[in-house]
Amino acid sequence: EQIKPQPTWYEEEGVLHCSTVCPGATTIHRVFEVGESTFEDPNLNVVWQVSTYWDGDKLVTSEFTPDGKYNGGRPVVCSRWVDSNGTFISRFEFGGAHVHVAYCERIL
């Protein structure tokens, strides 16, 4: 059985934050700021090279592992935005036909 991670997103002073509870693994905390950065993923045991930028109303990250451990070293591109219904959408592209889309709804 696959256990899905449980992300919580929030914005603070124009910066997007995400805390993802990974049942049976380490919780991941990420900060998405425009520019170049690195991110160490303790669950995959990889270091990502990350480029973050705005494309209109979408925050885009292009991430790859220089050692080629994930996705063959090819970038994973993710666009994140809020639609007209207030749903936070993340669209992941892996460089082929495979695309993953996640929908996060606000819990009040």
C-alpha atoms as a PDB file:
ATOM      1  CA  GLU A   1       0.000   0.000   0.000  1.00  0.00           C
ATOM      2  CA  GLN A   2       1.312   3.421  -0.967  1.00  0.00           C
ATOM      3  CA  ILE A   3       0.995   6.097   1.729  1.00  0.00           C
ATOM      4  CA  LYS A   4       0.625   9.573   0.263  1.00  0.00           C
ATOM      5  CA  PRO A   5       2.453  12.581   1.720  1.00  0.00           C
ATOM      6  CA  GLN A   6       0.351  15.304   3.330  1.00  0.00           C
ATOM      7  CA  PRO A   7       1.527  18.836   2.395  1.00  0.00           C
ATOM      8  CA  THR A   8       0.573  22.065   4.134  1.00  0.00           C
ATOM      9  CA  TRP A   9       1.243  25.219   2.110  1.00  0.00           C
ATOM     10  CA  TYR A  10       1.369  28.800   3.315  1.00  0.00           C
ATOM     11  CA  GLU A  11       2.621  32.190   2.163  1.00  0.00           C
ATOM     12  CA  GLU A  12       4.549  34.511   4.441  1.00  0.00           C
ATOM     13  CA  GLU A  13       5.881  37.912   3.324  1.00  0.00           C
ATOM     14  CA  GLY A  14       5.701  36.926  -0.346  1.00  0.00           C
ATOM     15  CA  VAL A  15       7.534  33.626   0.133  1.00  0.00           C
ATOM     16  CA  LEU A  16       5.873  30.224  -0.383  1.00  0.00           C
ATOM     17  CA  HIS A  17       6.470  27.606   2.335  1.00  0.00           C
ATOM     18  CA  CYS A  18       5.569  23.915   2.401  1.00  0.00           C
ATOM     19  CA  SER A  19       5.677  21.401   5.230  1.00  0.00           C
ATOM     20  CA  THR A  20       5.033  17.833   4.086  1.00  0.00           C
ATOM     21  CA  VAL A  21       4.284  15.070   6.569  1.00  0.00           C
ATOM     22  CA  CYS A  22       5.581  11.801   5.115  1.00  0.00           C
ATOM     23  CA  PRO A  23       4.102   8.919   7.168  1.00  0.00           C
ATOM     24  CA  GLY A  24       6.891   6.528   8.091  1.00  0.00           C
ATOM     25  CA  ALA A  25       9.580   8.991   6.960  1.00  0.00           C
ATOM     26  CA  THR A  26      11.024  12.422   7.761  1.00  0.00           C
ATOM     27  CA  THR A  27       8.780  15.506   7.515  1.00  0.00           C
ATOM     28  CA  ILE A  28      10.107  17.885   4.848  1.00  0.00           C
ATOM     29  CA  HIS A  29      10.124  21.685   5.165  1.00  0.00           C
ATOM     30  CA  ARG A  30      10.733  23.753   2.028  1.00  0.00           C
ATOM     31  CA  VAL A  31      10.942  27.446   1.218  1.00  0.00           C
ATOM     32  CA  PHE A  32      10.380  28.604  -2.373  1.00  0.00           C
ATOM     33  CA  GLU A  33      12.133  31.893  -3.187  1.00  0.00           C
ATOM     34  CA  VAL A  34      12.989  33.251  -6.623  1.00  0.00           C
ATOM     35  CA  GLY A  35      16.551  32.404  -7.647  1.00  0.00           C
ATOM     36  CA  GLU A  36      18.987  29.500  -7.452  1.00  0.00           C
ATOM     37  CA  SER A  37      19.209  27.222  -4.408  1.00  0.00           C
ATOM     38  CA  THR A  38      19.782  23.657  -3.238  1.00  0.00           C
ATOM     39  CA  PHE A  39      17.491  21.379  -1.270  1.00  0.00           C
ATOM     40  CA  GLU A  40      18.534  18.231   0.580  1.00  0.00           C
ATOM     41  CA  ASP A  41      15.793  15.578   0.601  1.00  0.00           C
ATOM     42  CA  PRO A  42      16.357  13.323   3.629  1.00  0.00           C
ATOM     43  CA  ASN A  43      13.895  10.680   2.402  1.00  0.00           C
ATOM     44  CA  LEU A  44      15.354  10.221  -1.082  1.00  0.00           C
ATOM     45  CA  ASN A  45      18.899  10.930   0.148  1.00  0.00           C
ATOM     46  CA  VAL A  46      19.553  13.336  -2.735  1.00  0.00           C
ATOM     47  CA  VAL A  47      20.481  17.000  -3.111  1.00  0.00           C
ATOM     48  CA  TRP A  48      18.401  18.946  -5.606  1.00  0.00           C
ATOM     49  CA  GLN A  49      19.650  21.945  -7.602  1.00  0.00           C
ATOM     50  CA  VAL A  50      16.654  24.288  -7.779  1.00  0.00           C
ATOM     51  CA  SER A  51      15.840  27.262 -10.004  1.00  0.00           C
ATOM     52  CA  THR A  52      12.692  29.175  -8.986  1.00  0.00           C
ATOM     53  CA  TYR A  53      10.968  31.908 -11.014  1.00  0.00           C
ATOM     54  CA  TRP A  54       7.560  33.448 -11.749  1.00  0.00           C
ATOM     55  CA  ASP A  55       5.803  32.782 -15.064  1.00  0.00           C
ATOM     56  CA  GLY A  56       2.799  35.094 -14.904  1.00  0.00           C
ATOM     57  CA  ASP A  57       0.738  33.973 -11.904  1.00  0.00           C
ATOM     58  CA  LYS A  58       2.553  30.614 -11.636  1.00  0.00           C
ATOM     59  CA  LEU A  59       5.538  29.942  -9.396  1.00  0.00           C
ATOM     60  CA  VAL A  60       7.792  27.558 -11.321  1.00  0.00           C
ATOM     61  CA  THR A  61      10.611  25.386 -10.020  1.00  0.00           C
ATOM     62  CA  SER A  62      13.000  23.404 -12.156  1.00  0.00           C
ATOM     63  CA  GLU A  63      14.845  20.840 -10.029  1.00  0.00           C
ATOM     64  CA  PHE A  64      17.411  18.169 -10.822  1.00  0.00           C
ATOM     65  CA  THR A  65      19.880  15.947  -8.993  1.00  0.00           C
ATOM     66  CA  PRO A  66      23.388  16.479 -10.416  1.00  0.00           C
ATOM     67  CA  ASP A  67      24.344  12.899  -9.529  1.00  0.00           C
ATOM     68  CA  GLY A  68      21.472  11.580 -11.680  1.00  0.00           C
ATOM     69  CA  LYS A  69      19.886   9.626  -8.796  1.00  0.00           C
ATOM     70  CA  TYR A  70      16.374  10.897  -9.541  1.00  0.00           C
ATOM     71  CA  ASN A  71      14.664  11.108 -12.940  1.00  0.00           C
ATOM     72  CA  GLY A  72      17.961  10.216 -14.609  1.00  0.00           C
ATOM     73  CA  GLY A  73      19.317  13.667 -13.736  1.00  0.00           C
ATOM     74  CA  ARG A  74      16.695  15.311 -15.965  1.00  0.00           C
ATOM     75  CA  PRO A  75      14.856  18.321 -14.502  1.00  0.00           C
ATOM     76  CA  VAL A  76      11.490  17.961 -12.826  1.00  0.00           C
ATOM     77  CA  VAL A  77       9.539  21.141 -13.601  1.00  0.00           C
ATOM     78  CA  CYS A  78       6.695  22.105 -11.291  1.00  0.00           C
ATOM     79  CA  SER A  79       4.238  24.965 -11.812  1.00  0.00           C
ATOM     80  CA  ARG A  80       2.184  26.068  -8.796  1.00  0.00           C
ATOM     81  CA  TRP A  81      -0.797  28.412  -8.791  1.00  0.00           C
ATOM     82  CA  VAL A  82      -4.190  29.135  -7.220  1.00  0.00           C
ATOM     83  CA  ASP A  83      -7.164  28.734  -9.565  1.00  0.00           C
ATOM     84  CA  SER A  84     -10.345  30.850  -9.637  1.00  0.00           C
ATOM     85  CA  ASN A  85     -11.995  28.501  -7.099  1.00  0.00           C
ATOM     86  CA  GLY A  86      -9.158  28.980  -4.589  1.00  0.00           C
ATOM     87  CA  THR A  87      -7.650  25.529  -5.199  1.00  0.00           C
ATOM     88  CA  PHE A  88      -3.848  25.358  -5.003  1.00  0.00           C
ATOM     89  CA  ILE A  89      -2.567  23.345  -7.966  1.00  0.00           C
ATOM     90  CA  SER A  90       0.868  21.788  -8.497  1.00  0.00           C
ATOM     91  CA  ARG A  91       1.678  20.384 -11.956  1.00  0.00           C
ATOM     92  CA  PHE A  92       4.830  18.243 -12.183  1.00  0.00           C
ATOM     93  CA  GLU A  93       6.510  17.474 -15.522  1.00  0.00           C
ATOM     94  CA  PHE A  94       9.215  14.794 -15.650  1.00  0.00           C
ATOM     95  CA  GLY A  95      10.441  15.363 -19.222  1.00  0.00           C
ATOM     96  CA  GLY A  96       8.220  12.828 -20.949  1.00  0.00           C
ATOM     97  CA  ALA A  97       4.574  11.895 -21.265  1.00  0.00           C
ATOM     98  CA  HIS A  98       4.222  11.440 -17.491  1.00  0.00           C
ATOM     99  CA  VAL A  99       2.636  14.479 -15.773  1.00  0.00           C
ATOM    100  CA  HIS A 100       1.409  14.524 -12.168  1.00  0.00           C
ATOM    101  CA  VAL A 101      -1.129  17.099 -10.965  1.00  0.00           C
ATOM    102  CA  ALA A 102      -1.967  17.646  -7.283  1.00  0.00           C
ATOM    103  CA  TYR A 103      -4.949  19.642  -6.029  1.00  0.00           C
ATOM    104  CA  CYS A 104      -4.878  21.089  -2.505  1.00  0.00           C
ATOM    105  CA  GLU A 105      -8.027  22.601  -1.040  1.00  0.00           C
ATOM    106  CA  ARG A 106      -8.103  25.056   1.823  1.00  0.00           C
ATOM    107  CA  ILE A 107      -9.272  23.636   5.136  1.00  0.00           C
ATOM    108  CA  LEU A 108     -10.831  26.250   7.369  1.00  0.00           C
END
